């Protein structure tokens, strides 16, 4: 009985940890994207090619404050490209 309880508890902890890790809410870097993936995400996030506004960045950016290096409330293409090399851009299939 103790063994079953231990195994069940471990399975629950691992499942919960995996579910939380997939949400990327901590602001920690994720996998570094390839240049092609970065361009694909930029094209989806900013169809006009100009800048990514803070209100539109949530699905794509892990931590807006780290990426917006000039603190103007927008992410430029150069800021975005740098963020891609640091794992701060999420590859989404939106």
N, C-alpha and C. Protein backbone atom coordinates (compact mmCIF):
# COMPACT_ATOMS: atom_id res chain seq x y z
N UNK A 1 0.83 -1.20 0.00
CA UNK A 1 0.00 0.00 0.00
C UNK A 1 0.87 1.26 0.00
N UNK A 2 1.93 1.26 0.80
CA UNK A 2 2.83 2.42 0.84
C UNK A 2 3.50 2.61 -0.51
N UNK A 3 3.86 1.50 -1.14
CA UNK A 3 4.51 1.58 -2.45
C UNK A 3 3.58 2.20 -3.49
N UNK A 4 2.32 1.81 -3.49
CA UNK A 4 1.35 2.35 -4.43
C UNK A 4 1.15 3.85 -4.20
N UNK A 5 1.08 4.25 -2.95
CA UNK A 5 0.93 5.66 -2.61
C UNK A 5 2.15 6.45 -3.08
N UNK A 6 3.34 5.91 -2.89
CA UNK A 6 4.56 6.58 -3.32
C UNK A 6 4.61 6.73 -4.83
N UNK A 7 4.29 5.67 -5.54
CA UNK A 7 4.30 5.71 -7.00
C UNK A 7 3.25 6.69 -7.52
N UNK A 8 2.08 6.67 -6.94
CA UNK A 8 1.02 7.59 -7.35
C UNK A 8 1.41 9.04 -7.11
N UNK A 9 2.01 9.30 -5.96
CA UNK A 9 2.45 10.66 -5.63
C UNK A 9 3.53 11.13 -6.59
N UNK A 10 4.48 10.27 -6.89
CA UNK A 10 5.54 10.62 -7.82
C UNK A 10 4.97 10.91 -9.21
N UNK A 11 4.05 10.08 -9.67
CA UNK A 11 3.43 10.30 -10.98
C UNK A 11 2.69 11.64 -11.02
N UNK A 12 1.99 11.97 -9.96
CA UNK A 12 1.28 13.24 -9.88
C UNK A 12 2.24 14.42 -9.93
N UNK A 13 3.32 14.34 -9.18
CA UNK A 13 4.32 15.42 -9.18
C UNK A 13 4.96 15.59 -10.55
N UNK A 14 5.32 14.50 -11.20
CA UNK A 14 5.93 14.59 -12.51
C UNK A 14 4.97 15.14 -13.55
N UNK A 15 3.73 14.73 -13.50
CA UNK A 15 2.72 15.22 -14.44
C UNK A 15 2.49 16.72 -14.25
N UNK A 16 2.38 17.15 -13.01
CA UNK A 16 2.17 18.57 -12.72
C UNK A 16 3.37 19.39 -13.16
N UNK A 17 4.56 18.91 -12.88
CA UNK A 17 5.78 19.63 -13.30
C UNK A 17 5.86 19.77 -14.80
N UNK A 18 5.53 18.70 -15.51
CA UNK A 18 5.55 18.74 -16.97
C UNK A 18 4.52 19.73 -17.51
N UNK A 19 3.34 19.72 -16.95
CA UNK A 19 2.27 20.64 -17.40
C UNK A 19 2.66 22.09 -17.17
N UNK A 20 3.24 22.38 -16.03
CA UNK A 20 3.63 23.76 -15.72
C UNK A 20 4.81 24.20 -16.58
N UNK A 21 5.73 23.31 -16.87
CA UNK A 21 6.89 23.67 -17.69
C UNK A 21 6.47 24.06 -19.10
N UNK A 22 5.42 23.46 -19.62
CA UNK A 22 4.97 23.77 -20.97
C UNK A 22 4.33 25.13 -21.12
N UNK A 23 3.98 25.79 -20.02
CA UNK A 23 3.29 27.07 -20.09
C UNK A 23 4.23 28.26 -20.27
N UNK A 24 5.49 28.14 -19.93
CA UNK A 24 6.49 29.19 -20.11
C UNK A 24 6.07 30.51 -19.47
N UNK A 25 5.59 30.46 -18.26
CA UNK A 25 5.15 31.68 -17.60
C UNK A 25 6.23 32.31 -16.73
N UNK A 26 7.35 31.63 -16.55
CA UNK A 26 8.35 32.11 -15.62
C UNK A 26 9.24 33.21 -16.19
N UNK A 27 9.24 33.38 -17.49
CA UNK A 27 10.11 34.36 -18.10
C UNK A 27 11.51 33.83 -18.33
N UNK A 28 11.71 32.55 -18.14
CA UNK A 28 13.02 31.94 -18.35
C UNK A 28 13.18 31.62 -19.83
N UNK A 29 14.43 31.63 -20.30
CA UNK A 29 14.67 31.30 -21.71
C UNK A 29 14.19 29.90 -22.07
N UNK A 30 13.80 29.76 -23.31
CA UNK A 30 13.40 28.45 -23.84
C UNK A 30 14.46 28.04 -24.86
N UNK A 31 14.14 27.15 -25.74
CA UNK A 31 15.08 26.70 -26.76
C UNK A 31 15.41 27.84 -27.73
N UNK A 32 16.65 27.89 -28.15
CA UNK A 32 17.07 28.88 -29.14
C UNK A 32 16.54 28.44 -30.49
N UNK A 33 15.90 29.36 -31.18
CA UNK A 33 15.30 29.05 -32.48
C UNK A 33 16.32 29.19 -33.60
N UNK A 34 16.04 28.49 -34.68
CA UNK A 34 16.87 28.65 -35.88
C UNK A 34 16.53 30.00 -36.52
N UNK A 35 17.39 30.51 -37.37
CA UNK A 35 17.06 31.77 -38.06
C UNK A 35 15.76 31.68 -38.85
N UNK A 36 15.50 30.52 -39.44
CA UNK A 36 14.26 30.34 -40.20
C UNK A 36 13.04 30.40 -39.28
N UNK A 37 13.14 29.75 -38.12
CA UNK A 37 12.04 29.79 -37.16
C UNK A 37 11.82 31.22 -36.65
N UNK A 38 12.91 31.92 -36.39
CA UNK A 38 12.79 33.32 -35.93
C UNK A 38 12.06 34.16 -36.96
N UNK A 39 12.42 34.01 -38.22
CA UNK A 39 11.77 34.78 -39.27
C UNK A 39 10.30 34.41 -39.39
N UNK A 40 10.00 33.13 -39.23
CA UNK A 40 8.61 32.68 -39.30
C UNK A 40 7.77 33.29 -38.17
N UNK A 41 8.33 33.28 -36.96
CA UNK A 41 7.61 33.86 -35.82
C UNK A 41 7.45 35.36 -36.01
N UNK A 42 8.50 36.05 -36.46
CA UNK A 42 8.42 37.50 -36.69
C UNK A 42 7.32 37.81 -37.70
N UNK A 43 7.26 37.04 -38.77
CA UNK A 43 6.25 37.27 -39.81
C UNK A 43 4.83 37.09 -39.27
N UNK A 44 4.65 36.12 -38.37
CA UNK A 44 3.33 35.91 -37.75
C UNK A 44 3.01 37.02 -36.75
N UNK A 45 4.01 37.37 -35.94
CA UNK A 45 3.79 38.34 -34.86
C UNK A 45 3.63 39.76 -35.37
N UNK A 46 4.35 40.08 -36.42
CA UNK A 46 4.36 41.45 -36.94
C UNK A 46 4.16 41.42 -38.46
N UNK A 47 2.94 41.24 -38.90
CA UNK A 47 2.69 41.17 -40.35
C UNK A 47 3.15 42.41 -41.12
N UNK A 48 3.16 43.57 -40.45
CA UNK A 48 3.59 44.80 -41.11
C UNK A 48 5.10 44.91 -41.18
N UNK A 49 5.82 44.11 -40.37
CA UNK A 49 7.27 44.14 -40.37
C UNK A 49 7.88 45.30 -39.61
N UNK A 50 7.06 46.06 -38.90
CA UNK A 50 7.53 47.27 -38.23
C UNK A 50 8.06 46.98 -36.83
N UNK A 51 7.19 46.79 -35.85
CA UNK A 51 7.59 46.54 -34.47
C UNK A 51 6.48 45.75 -33.78
N UNK A 52 6.88 45.01 -32.76
CA UNK A 52 5.94 44.19 -31.99
C UNK A 52 5.54 44.94 -30.73
N UNK A 53 4.26 45.29 -30.64
CA UNK A 53 3.74 46.01 -29.48
C UNK A 53 3.65 45.06 -28.29
N UNK A 54 3.76 45.62 -27.10
CA UNK A 54 3.71 44.82 -25.88
C UNK A 54 2.42 44.00 -25.80
N UNK A 55 1.31 44.59 -26.16
CA UNK A 55 0.02 43.91 -26.05
C UNK A 55 -0.08 42.70 -26.98
N UNK A 56 0.72 42.67 -28.03
CA UNK A 56 0.70 41.57 -28.99
C UNK A 56 1.82 40.55 -28.78
N UNK A 57 2.69 40.81 -27.82
CA UNK A 57 3.91 40.01 -27.67
C UNK A 57 3.74 38.73 -26.87
N UNK A 58 2.69 38.62 -26.07
CA UNK A 58 2.54 37.50 -25.13
C UNK A 58 2.70 36.12 -25.78
N UNK A 59 2.09 35.84 -26.92
CA UNK A 59 2.25 34.49 -27.48
C UNK A 59 3.65 34.19 -28.01
N UNK A 60 4.47 35.22 -28.18
CA UNK A 60 5.75 35.05 -28.86
C UNK A 60 6.99 35.30 -27.99
N UNK A 61 6.86 36.16 -27.00
CA UNK A 61 8.02 36.59 -26.22
C UNK A 61 7.96 36.02 -24.81
N UNK A 62 9.07 35.46 -24.34
CA UNK A 62 9.13 34.85 -23.01
C UNK A 62 9.12 35.92 -21.92
N UNK A 63 9.91 36.98 -22.11
CA UNK A 63 10.00 38.04 -21.09
C UNK A 63 10.16 39.38 -21.81
N UNK A 64 9.07 40.13 -21.89
CA UNK A 64 9.06 41.37 -22.67
C UNK A 64 10.12 42.36 -22.19
N UNK A 65 10.26 42.52 -20.89
CA UNK A 65 11.22 43.50 -20.35
C UNK A 65 12.65 43.20 -20.76
N UNK A 66 13.01 41.93 -20.84
CA UNK A 66 14.37 41.57 -21.26
C UNK A 66 14.60 41.84 -22.74
N UNK A 67 13.56 41.70 -23.53
CA UNK A 67 13.69 41.86 -24.98
C UNK A 67 13.63 43.33 -25.39
N UNK A 68 12.79 44.12 -24.75
CA UNK A 68 12.64 45.54 -25.07
C UNK A 68 13.80 46.31 -24.44
N UNK A 69 14.97 46.20 -25.05
CA UNK A 69 16.19 46.76 -24.45
C UNK A 69 16.22 48.29 -24.41
N UNK A 70 15.51 48.95 -25.32
CA UNK A 70 15.48 50.42 -25.27
C UNK A 70 14.28 50.95 -24.48
N UNK A 71 13.47 50.04 -23.94
CA UNK A 71 12.35 50.37 -23.04
C UNK A 71 11.35 51.36 -23.64
N UNK A 72 11.07 51.18 -24.94
CA UNK A 72 10.10 52.07 -25.58
C UNK A 72 8.70 51.43 -25.71
N UNK A 73 8.53 50.24 -25.14
CA UNK A 73 7.23 49.59 -25.18
C UNK A 73 6.96 48.79 -26.44
N UNK A 74 7.96 48.69 -27.31
CA UNK A 74 7.85 47.93 -28.54
C UNK A 74 9.12 47.11 -28.75
N UNK A 75 9.00 46.05 -29.50
CA UNK A 75 10.17 45.25 -29.83
C UNK A 75 10.46 45.44 -31.32
N UNK A 76 11.63 45.98 -31.59
CA UNK A 76 12.05 46.17 -32.97
C UNK A 76 12.55 44.85 -33.55
N UNK A 77 12.78 44.83 -34.84
CA UNK A 77 13.29 43.62 -35.49
C UNK A 77 14.65 43.25 -34.93
N UNK A 78 15.52 44.22 -34.70
CA UNK A 78 16.85 43.91 -34.16
C UNK A 78 16.77 43.38 -32.73
N UNK A 79 15.87 43.94 -31.92
CA UNK A 79 15.67 43.41 -30.56
C UNK A 79 15.13 41.99 -30.62
N UNK A 80 14.21 41.76 -31.54
CA UNK A 80 13.62 40.44 -31.71
C UNK A 80 14.67 39.42 -32.14
N UNK A 81 15.50 39.79 -33.12
CA UNK A 81 16.54 38.89 -33.60
C UNK A 81 17.52 38.53 -32.48
N UNK A 82 17.91 39.52 -31.69
CA UNK A 82 18.81 39.26 -30.57
C UNK A 82 18.13 38.33 -29.56
N UNK A 83 16.86 38.56 -29.28
CA UNK A 83 16.11 37.72 -28.34
C UNK A 83 16.04 36.28 -28.84
N UNK A 84 15.94 36.09 -30.14
CA UNK A 84 15.92 34.75 -30.71
C UNK A 84 17.21 33.99 -30.39
N UNK A 85 18.32 34.68 -30.41
CA UNK A 85 19.60 34.02 -30.14
C UNK A 85 19.77 33.69 -28.66
N UNK A 86 18.92 34.25 -27.82
CA UNK A 86 19.00 34.04 -26.37
C UNK A 86 17.89 33.13 -25.84
N UNK A 87 17.04 32.61 -26.71
CA UNK A 87 15.96 31.73 -26.26
C UNK A 87 14.79 32.48 -25.64
N UNK A 88 14.61 33.74 -26.00
CA UNK A 88 13.54 34.55 -25.42
C UNK A 88 12.32 34.67 -26.33
N UNK A 89 12.35 33.94 -27.45
CA UNK A 89 11.23 33.93 -28.39
C UNK A 89 10.69 32.50 -28.44
N UNK A 90 9.36 32.40 -28.36
CA UNK A 90 8.70 31.10 -28.40
C UNK A 90 8.30 30.77 -29.83
N UNK A 91 8.52 29.53 -30.20
CA UNK A 91 8.09 29.07 -31.52
C UNK A 91 6.66 28.58 -31.39
N UNK A 92 5.75 29.31 -31.95
CA UNK A 92 4.34 28.99 -31.82
C UNK A 92 3.76 28.59 -33.17
N UNK A 93 2.73 27.81 -33.13
CA UNK A 93 2.06 27.36 -34.36
C UNK A 93 0.72 28.07 -34.52
N UNK A 94 0.61 29.33 -34.10
CA UNK A 94 -0.67 30.08 -34.20
C UNK A 94 -1.02 30.33 -35.63
